[in-house]
């Protein structure tokens, strides 16, 4: 009697329906129904939008919120079109600084409104908060590269946004930026840019029609790489552009900086970018260690101003000539 009972007890687990293994790094089973503590799962496949697989290959709703680094990344992606707008407005406006200033303000307005609308339409709708999944590794950005082929013939497509919504929210933001620019800027430029020639008026808008597709492709292909590299990209680019601007404007001393307000505005905007890069690298996890790093922000500009007079090309050439 007891032996038969123990045998039956041993045989019980074998009677449980064991589902075949869910292959692939990002394939999972959707939860069909929940009855108390018992969940019923569907077939192994792609997770619905707004979900990603857990350790047991079950699709779970993304209920977290972006951490500080995620927000800094989104801030960087939001800044890219704004900085490019400003650059091309400045580039094509020439000496007409009054019309350029109004265009700069309009570009800032467009990008700010686009960012707010993007957050409002993201889940949860109507709130400036967004729910997201945590980024665990680089492959989370490229789930399309990890579709399994169990029999080496048929491919199980499990491509979904594992980093929801960090990948697609950038595309939505760029779309709103483009729509707002096309609605507002042509009217403004037509009204204010009287001093510019007819062909020059809309050149900054034409430039945007080129760089928005480029930014979209950049996000589509390099989104994951940008996520990990953007703090260093900010630091390197802001250093290079500051040096190029100062040499092009022939700034060699503090007096040269104070002559024109525009130079000071450019300098302070570069300092803000430096600070953003330093904050993104350190993440300000330990405030007492990381905040003093912000004292390094003016260092490159000061170094340039202190050494500019020694690196003047004409001086080097004349000293070289004297040496001969």
Foldseek 3Di string as FASTA:
>chain_A
DVVVVVVVVVCVVVPDDDDDDQDWPWWAWEFPDDDPPDTDTDDTAAADAQWTQDPRRYTDHQAAFDDLLLVLLVVLLLCVLLVLLLVLLPVLLPPVVVLSVVSNVLLVVQSVVLLQCLCCCEPVHRDNTHGWADDDDLCLLVRQVTFDDPVVPDTGGHDYNNGPPSLPSSVSSLVSSLVSCVVPVVVSLVPPVPVDDPVSSCRSVVVSVVVSVVSNVCSSPPVSVCSVCVLVVLQVVLLVVLLVVCVVQVPQAPVSCVPDVVSVVSLVVSLVSNLSSLCSVVVCPPVVPRVVVSVCSCVSVVVCNVCVVVVPPVVVVVVVVVVD
